[in-house]
N, C-alpha and C. Protein backbone atom coordinates (compact mmCIF):
# COMPACT_ATOMS: atom_id res chain seq x y z
N MET A 1 0.61 2.04 12.66
CA MET A 1 1.77 1.33 11.52
C MET A 1 1.45 2.00 10.02
N LEU A 2 1.60 2.58 8.90
CA LEU A 2 1.29 2.99 7.59
C LEU A 2 2.16 1.91 6.19
N ALA A 3 1.30 0.58 5.88
CA ALA A 3 2.09 -0.64 6.20
C ALA A 3 2.00 -0.80 4.48
N TYR A 4 2.85 -0.36 3.41
CA TYR A 4 2.44 -0.11 2.48
C TYR A 4 3.54 -1.26 1.82
N PHE A 5 2.70 -2.65 0.94
CA PHE A 5 3.39 -3.81 0.45
C PHE A 5 3.84 -3.62 -0.84
N ILE A 6 4.75 -3.03 -1.09
CA ILE A 6 5.22 -2.51 -2.42
C ILE A 6 5.63 -3.60 -4.04
N PHE A 7 6.57 -4.50 -3.15
CA PHE A 7 7.25 -5.70 -3.52
C PHE A 7 5.73 -6.26 -4.31
N ASP A 8 5.26 -6.47 -3.55
CA ASP A 8 4.26 -7.92 -3.66
C ASP A 8 3.19 -8.05 -2.81
N ALA A 9 1.93 -7.02 -3.24
CA ALA A 9 0.66 -6.86 -2.13
C ALA A 9 0.12 -8.44 -2.00
N TYR A 10 0.56 -9.05 -2.52
CA TYR A 10 0.00 -10.91 -1.94
C TYR A 10 0.92 -11.53 -1.22
N SER A 11 2.23 -10.74 -0.68
CA SER A 11 2.70 -11.97 0.22
C SER A 11 2.27 -11.26 1.39
N ARG A 12 1.71 -11.42 2.24
CA ARG A 12 1.74 -10.51 3.84
C ARG A 12 1.58 -11.39 5.24
N PRO A 13 2.16 -11.32 5.77
CA PRO A 13 2.79 -11.79 6.72
C PRO A 13 1.21 -13.32 7.29
N GLY A 14 2.29 -14.33 7.73
CA GLY A 14 1.59 -15.11 7.89
C GLY A 14 0.63 -16.02 6.45
N GLY A 15 1.09 -15.27 5.17
CA GLY A 15 0.69 -15.65 3.90
C GLY A 15 -0.35 -15.97 3.78
N VAL A 16 -1.09 -15.43 4.74
CA VAL A 16 -2.60 -14.80 4.28
C VAL A 16 -3.43 -14.02 2.85
N LYS A 17 -3.83 -14.15 1.91
CA LYS A 17 -4.27 -12.93 0.90
C LYS A 17 -5.68 -12.92 0.53
N PHE A 18 -5.87 -11.52 2.35
CA PHE A 18 -6.69 -11.24 2.22
C PHE A 18 -7.01 -9.27 2.03
N GLU A 19 -6.22 -8.73 2.39
CA GLU A 19 -6.07 -7.67 2.37
C GLU A 19 -6.25 -7.51 1.01
N PRO A 20 -7.34 -6.23 0.62
CA PRO A 20 -6.79 -5.66 -0.76
C PRO A 20 -5.73 -4.51 -0.75
N SER A 21 -6.16 -3.48 0.73
CA SER A 21 -5.33 -2.53 0.56
C SER A 21 -3.98 -2.30 0.46
N SER A 22 -3.52 -1.19 -0.37
CA SER A 22 -2.16 -1.39 -0.35
C SER A 22 -1.56 -0.73 0.39
N PHE A 23 -2.70 -0.15 1.88
CA PHE A 23 -1.40 0.10 2.81
C PHE A 23 -2.98 0.24 3.72
N LYS A 24 -2.80 0.44 4.88
CA LYS A 24 -3.80 0.66 6.41
C LYS A 24 -3.43 2.06 7.06
N LEU A 25 -4.70 1.88 6.57
CA LEU A 25 -5.63 3.26 7.17
C LEU A 25 -6.76 3.08 8.10
N THR A 26 -5.67 3.07 9.44
CA THR A 26 -7.14 2.75 10.27
C THR A 26 -7.80 3.79 10.72
N HIS A 27 -9.02 3.92 11.66
CA HIS A 27 -9.91 4.86 12.04
C HIS A 27 -8.55 5.35 13.05
N GLU A 28 -8.20 4.26 13.90
CA GLU A 28 -7.01 5.59 14.49
C GLU A 28 -6.32 6.40 14.37
N MET A 29 -5.95 6.19 13.02
CA MET A 29 -4.68 7.08 12.44
C MET A 29 -5.32 8.32 11.85
N VAL A 30 -6.66 7.52 11.16
CA VAL A 30 -6.94 9.37 11.12
C VAL A 30 -8.04 10.03 11.82
N VAL A 31 -8.24 9.39 13.37
CA VAL A 31 -8.68 10.01 14.81
C VAL A 31 -6.98 11.20 15.03
N LEU A 32 -6.24 10.81 14.75
CA LEU A 32 -4.87 11.59 15.13
C LEU A 32 -4.52 12.10 14.59
N MET A 33 -4.38 12.23 13.03
CA MET A 33 -4.60 13.23 12.34
C MET A 33 -5.58 14.53 12.55
N GLY A 34 -6.93 13.99 12.71
CA GLY A 34 -7.41 15.26 13.52
C GLY A 34 -9.03 15.17 13.12
N GLY A 35 -9.73 13.53 12.43
CA GLY A 35 -10.89 13.07 11.85
C GLY A 35 -10.92 13.45 10.23
N ARG A 36 -10.97 13.12 9.48
CA ARG A 36 -11.50 13.03 7.76
C ARG A 36 -12.00 14.02 7.13
N TYR A 37 -12.45 14.67 7.87
CA TYR A 37 -11.91 16.19 7.23
C TYR A 37 -11.85 17.99 7.69
N SER A 38 -11.01 17.23 8.14
CA SER A 38 -9.38 17.84 9.31
C SER A 38 -8.27 18.21 8.21
N GLN A 39 -7.76 19.61 8.49
CA GLN A 39 -7.32 19.97 7.54
C GLN A 39 -5.47 18.80 7.93
N GLY A 40 -4.87 17.91 9.17
CA GLY A 40 -4.40 17.28 8.89
C GLY A 40 -4.40 15.69 8.37
N TYR A 41 -5.94 15.80 7.71
CA TYR A 41 -5.93 14.09 7.18
C TYR A 41 -5.67 15.13 5.32
N GLU A 42 -6.52 16.23 5.15
CA GLU A 42 -6.42 16.20 3.84
C GLU A 42 -4.58 16.85 3.72
N LEU A 43 -3.96 17.07 4.44
CA LEU A 43 -2.19 17.23 4.13
C LEU A 43 -2.09 15.98 4.24
N PHE A 44 -2.75 15.24 5.05
CA PHE A 44 -2.28 12.93 4.69
C PHE A 44 -1.98 13.13 2.97
N GLN A 45 -3.28 13.34 2.27
CA GLN A 45 -3.92 12.73 1.33
C GLN A 45 -2.33 13.53 0.23
N HIS A 46 -3.05 14.83 0.49
CA HIS A 46 -1.89 15.85 -0.35
C HIS A 46 -0.72 15.34 -0.06
N LEU A 47 0.00 15.21 1.14
CA LEU A 47 1.42 14.54 1.02
C LEU A 47 1.72 13.50 0.50
N THR A 48 0.63 12.10 0.79
CA THR A 48 0.71 10.63 0.11
C THR A 48 1.02 10.88 -1.67
N VAL A 49 -0.26 11.94 -2.72
CA VAL A 49 -0.36 11.93 -3.15
C VAL A 49 0.60 12.20 -4.31
N LYS A 50 1.63 14.04 -3.76
CA LYS A 50 2.69 14.44 -3.66
C LYS A 50 4.40 13.44 -4.07
N ALA A 51 3.95 12.88 -2.26
CA ALA A 51 5.05 11.53 -2.60
C ALA A 51 5.01 10.92 -4.11
N PHE A 52 3.50 10.19 -4.42
CA PHE A 52 3.60 9.04 -5.37
C PHE A 52 3.71 9.54 -6.72
N LEU A 53 3.50 10.86 -6.49
CA LEU A 53 4.43 11.61 -8.34
C LEU A 53 5.63 11.93 -8.50
N ALA A 54 5.98 11.76 -7.30
CA ALA A 54 7.95 12.26 -7.39
C ALA A 54 8.72 10.84 -7.31
N ILE A 55 7.83 9.29 -6.73
CA ILE A 55 8.72 8.26 -7.37
C ILE A 55 8.09 7.79 -8.89
N ARG A 56 7.29 8.37 -9.47
CA ARG A 56 6.45 7.56 -10.69
C ARG A 56 7.53 7.66 -11.62
N PRO A 57 8.41 8.56 -11.59
CA PRO A 57 9.65 9.00 -12.89
C PRO A 57 10.55 8.39 -12.50
N HIS A 58 10.69 8.29 -11.54
CA HIS A 58 11.83 6.59 -10.97
C HIS A 58 11.53 5.04 -11.04
N ALA A 59 10.58 5.37 -11.30
CA ALA A 59 9.68 3.55 -11.46
C ALA A 59 10.89 2.49 -12.16
N ASP A 60 11.84 2.71 -13.21
CA ASP A 60 12.32 2.32 -13.76
C ASP A 60 13.62 1.37 -13.32
N GLN A 61 14.03 2.57 -12.70
CA GLN A 61 14.99 2.43 -11.62
C GLN A 61 15.19 1.19 -10.48
N LEU A 62 13.80 1.42 -9.70
CA LEU A 62 13.46 0.78 -9.14
C LEU A 62 12.77 -0.39 -9.45
N VAL A 63 12.42 -0.91 -10.76
CA VAL A 63 12.14 -1.64 -10.75
C VAL A 63 13.09 -2.02 -11.05
N SER A 64 14.70 -1.77 -11.93
CA SER A 64 15.01 -3.00 -11.85
C SER A 64 15.47 -3.53 -10.88
N THR A 65 15.95 -2.50 -9.56
CA THR A 65 16.06 -3.17 -8.64
C THR A 65 15.52 -3.97 -7.47
N VAL A 66 14.30 -4.10 -7.92
CA VAL A 66 13.69 -5.01 -7.32
C VAL A 66 13.65 -6.29 -8.73
N GLN A 67 14.07 -6.39 -9.19
CA GLN A 67 14.32 -7.02 -10.38
C GLN A 67 15.73 -8.26 -10.24
N LEU A 68 16.67 -7.47 -9.17
CA LEU A 68 17.99 -8.20 -9.58
C LEU A 68 17.80 -9.19 -7.11
N MET A 69 16.07 -8.99 -6.40
CA MET A 69 16.55 -9.49 -5.78
C MET A 69 15.85 -10.53 -5.99
N LEU A 70 14.91 -10.95 -7.76
CA LEU A 70 14.38 -11.43 -7.71
C LEU A 70 14.69 -13.51 -7.04
N GLY A 71 15.86 -13.74 -7.22
CA GLY A 71 16.48 -15.33 -7.61
C GLY A 71 17.28 -15.09 -5.86
N THR A 72 16.53 -14.41 -5.07
CA THR A 72 17.56 -14.45 -3.80
C THR A 72 16.04 -15.80 -2.31
N GLY A 73 14.94 -16.31 -3.30
CA GLY A 73 14.18 -16.78 -2.53
C GLY A 73 13.85 -15.95 -1.65
N LEU A 74 13.41 -14.49 -1.15
CA LEU A 74 12.86 -14.37 0.27
C LEU A 74 11.30 -13.85 -0.06
N PRO A 75 10.68 -14.33 0.53
CA PRO A 75 9.21 -14.31 0.63
C PRO A 75 8.38 -13.43 -0.95
N SER A 76 8.75 -12.30 -0.10
CA SER A 76 7.93 -10.72 -1.10
C SER A 76 8.64 -10.92 -2.31
N PHE A 77 9.80 -11.79 -3.17
CA PHE A 77 10.57 -12.03 -4.75
C PHE A 77 9.62 -12.54 -5.12
N LYS A 78 8.35 -12.72 -5.91
CA LYS A 78 7.67 -13.80 -6.68
C LYS A 78 8.01 -14.11 -7.97
N GLY A 79 8.75 -13.53 -8.64
CA GLY A 79 9.44 -13.96 -10.32
C GLY A 79 8.75 -12.52 -10.78
N GLU A 80 8.60 -13.11 -11.77
CA GLU A 80 8.02 -11.85 -13.14
C GLU A 80 6.71 -11.90 -12.49
N SER A 81 5.47 -11.27 -11.90
CA SER A 81 4.48 -11.64 -11.58
C SER A 81 4.27 -10.13 -10.22
N THR A 82 5.63 -10.71 -9.29
CA THR A 82 5.68 -8.90 -8.45
C THR A 82 6.78 -8.09 -9.33
N ILE A 83 7.13 -7.80 -10.39
CA ILE A 83 7.26 -6.85 -11.30
C ILE A 83 7.03 -6.17 -11.99
N LYS A 84 5.51 -7.43 -12.38
CA LYS A 84 4.48 -6.65 -12.84
C LYS A 84 3.48 -5.77 -11.93
N ARG A 85 3.25 -6.29 -11.10
CA ARG A 85 2.36 -6.15 -9.47
C ARG A 85 2.82 -4.34 -9.49
N LEU A 86 4.22 -4.44 -9.54
CA LEU A 86 4.95 -3.08 -8.58
C LEU A 86 5.46 -2.41 -10.06
N LYS A 87 5.21 -2.82 -11.39
CA LYS A 87 5.34 -1.74 -12.35
C LYS A 87 3.33 -1.18 -12.43
N ASP A 88 2.39 -1.95 -11.98
CA ASP A 88 1.07 -1.69 -12.07
C ASP A 88 1.06 -0.79 -11.28
N ARG A 89 1.11 -0.83 -9.87
CA ARG A 89 1.68 0.37 -9.05
C ARG A 89 1.65 1.77 -9.20
N PHE A 90 2.32 1.72 -10.21
CA PHE A 90 3.69 2.87 -10.70
C PHE A 90 2.17 3.74 -11.44
N ALA A 91 0.77 2.72 -12.37
CA ALA A 91 0.34 3.49 -13.15
C ALA A 91 1.01 4.57 -14.00
N LEU A 92 1.38 3.74 -14.50
CA LEU A 92 2.44 4.90 -16.09
C LEU A 92 1.38 4.96 -17.06
N GLY A 93 0.93 3.87 -17.05
CA GLY A 93 -0.76 4.11 -18.11
C GLY A 93 -0.66 5.74 -17.45
N LEU A 94 -0.59 6.06 -16.64
CA LEU A 94 -2.02 7.58 -16.57
C LEU A 94 -1.07 8.43 -16.76
N ASN A 95 -2.15 10.33 -17.11
CA ASN A 95 -1.29 11.26 -16.82
C ASN A 95 -0.91 11.66 -15.88
N GLU A 96 -0.33 12.62 -15.09
CA GLU A 96 0.18 13.66 -13.48
C GLU A 96 -1.49 13.56 -13.63
N ARG A 97 -2.42 14.26 -13.73
CA ARG A 97 -3.94 14.40 -12.86
C ARG A 97 -4.63 12.89 -12.83
N GLN A 98 -4.04 11.79 -14.09
CA GLN A 98 -5.38 10.61 -13.07
C GLN A 98 -4.42 9.71 -12.93
N ALA A 99 -3.30 10.26 -11.98
CA ALA A 99 -1.68 8.93 -11.49
C ALA A 99 -2.40 9.56 -9.80
N ALA A 100 -2.90 10.67 -10.02
CA ALA A 100 -2.85 12.06 -8.51
C ALA A 100 -4.58 11.57 -8.18
N GLU A 101 -5.83 11.14 -9.31
CA GLU A 101 -6.53 10.62 -9.05
C GLU A 101 -6.69 9.22 -8.47
N TRP A 102 -6.43 8.36 -9.35
CA TRP A 102 -6.13 7.35 -9.02
C TRP A 102 -5.36 6.76 -7.33
N MET A 103 -4.62 7.57 -7.69
CA MET A 103 -3.62 7.88 -5.27
C MET A 103 -4.69 8.15 -5.11
N MET A 104 -5.80 8.99 -5.41
CA MET A 104 -6.79 9.19 -4.27
C MET A 104 -7.73 7.93 -3.85
N GLY A 105 -7.89 7.42 -5.09
CA GLY A 105 -8.88 6.36 -4.72
C GLY A 105 -7.91 5.15 -3.82
N ILE A 106 -6.45 4.65 -3.66
CA ILE A 106 -5.98 3.99 -3.17
C ILE A 106 -6.35 4.69 -1.59
N ILE A 107 -6.39 5.52 -1.47
CA ILE A 107 -6.40 6.29 0.76
C ILE A 107 -7.32 5.97 0.53
N ARG A 108 -8.80 6.20 -0.31
CA ARG A 108 -9.94 6.18 -0.25
C ARG A 108 -10.93 4.77 0.16
N ASN A 109 -9.72 3.50 -0.28
CA ASN A 109 -10.20 2.32 0.00
C ASN A 109 -9.28 2.06 0.88
N ALA A 110 -8.29 2.47 1.37
CA ALA A 110 -7.58 1.78 2.52
C ALA A 110 -8.18 2.49 4.02
N HIS A 111 -9.07 3.13 3.50
CA HIS A 111 -9.62 4.05 5.20
C HIS A 111 -10.76 3.16 5.52
N GLU A 112 -10.06 2.53 6.38
CA GLU A 112 -10.99 1.91 7.32
C GLU A 112 -11.63 1.19 6.23
N ASN A 113 -11.51 -0.30 6.10
CA ASN A 113 -10.81 -1.07 4.83
C ASN A 113 -11.74 -1.82 5.62
N VAL A 114 -12.99 -2.90 5.07
CA VAL A 114 -13.69 -3.80 5.91
C VAL A 114 -12.51 -4.99 6.20
N ARG A 115 -12.37 -4.56 4.92
CA ARG A 115 -11.09 -6.89 4.43
C ARG A 115 -9.91 -6.48 5.35
N SER A 116 -9.26 -5.24 5.82
CA SER A 116 -8.83 -4.65 6.10
C SER A 116 -8.37 -5.08 8.01
N THR A 117 -9.86 -4.55 8.24
CA THR A 117 -10.03 -5.11 9.94
C THR A 117 -10.45 -6.20 10.44
N ALA A 118 -11.50 -7.10 8.87
CA ALA A 118 -11.47 -7.81 9.49
C ALA A 118 -10.56 -9.36 9.38
N TYR A 119 -8.92 -8.73 8.56
CA TYR A 119 -7.48 -9.24 8.78
C TYR A 119 -6.95 -8.78 10.16
N ASP A 120 -6.85 -7.77 10.40
CA ASP A 120 -6.31 -7.62 11.94
C ASP A 120 -6.96 -8.61 12.43
N GLU A 121 -8.36 -8.67 12.87
CA GLU A 121 -9.25 -9.45 13.62
C GLU A 121 -8.53 -10.97 13.54
N PHE A 122 -8.85 -11.80 12.21
CA PHE A 122 -7.74 -12.94 12.36
C PHE A 122 -6.52 -12.98 12.38
N GLN A 123 -5.78 -12.31 12.90
CA GLN A 123 -3.99 -12.34 12.49
C GLN A 123 -4.07 -12.40 14.52
N ARG A 124 -5.48 -11.43 14.67
CA ARG A 124 -5.09 -11.36 16.55
C ARG A 124 -5.77 -12.98 16.84
N ILE A 125 -6.09 -13.20 16.24
CA ILE A 125 -7.22 -15.09 16.76
C ILE A 125 -6.40 -15.72 16.29
N GLN A 126 -5.93 -16.59 15.39
CA GLN A 126 -4.99 -17.35 15.17
C GLN A 126 -3.82 -17.44 14.86
N ASN A 127 -3.15 -16.04 15.39
CA ASN A 127 -1.87 -16.25 15.09
C ASN A 127 -0.85 -14.60 16.82
N GLY A 128 -2.03 -14.29 17.68
CA GLY A 128 -1.81 -13.52 18.18
C GLY A 128 -0.97 -12.63 18.39
N ILE A 129 -1.85 -11.65 17.23
CA ILE A 129 -0.80 -10.40 16.85
C ILE A 129 -2.02 -9.15 17.22
N PRO A 130 -1.79 -9.19 18.34
CA PRO A 130 -3.01 -7.90 19.03
C PRO A 130 -2.93 -6.46 17.60
N TYR A 131 -4.43 -5.90 17.34
CA TYR A 131 -3.43 -4.86 16.44
C TYR A 131 -3.59 -3.36 16.94
N LYS A 132 -5.01 -3.67 18.06
CA LYS A 132 -4.95 -2.53 18.61
C LYS A 132 -3.88 -2.44 19.83
């Protein structure tokens, strides 16, 4: 499961604020793509960056929509800090090439992230939530 915590990266299942990655990219996912240096993995990277660049021009509309949700009391909407982190995720201060490189860094950080792996193990032990 590719889980992207778009609204508030600090709002995790179980309330634990441990995972630094923007999304999970486990060893098993990469194996299914054909491995880290496969055509499938390259396509995944290409399409992820392409989708990111395509959504950036719509950042204001998405942020405005999320702002409407701030008063709902839902755990993913924690006020202006949520809005700031959401805006930061769009990397609007970067040109398109820099934004593409930034997203490639996000992908590299997500791939088999040690802290994400440890978090999965924590969830398994603490909450009985098996990842595998």
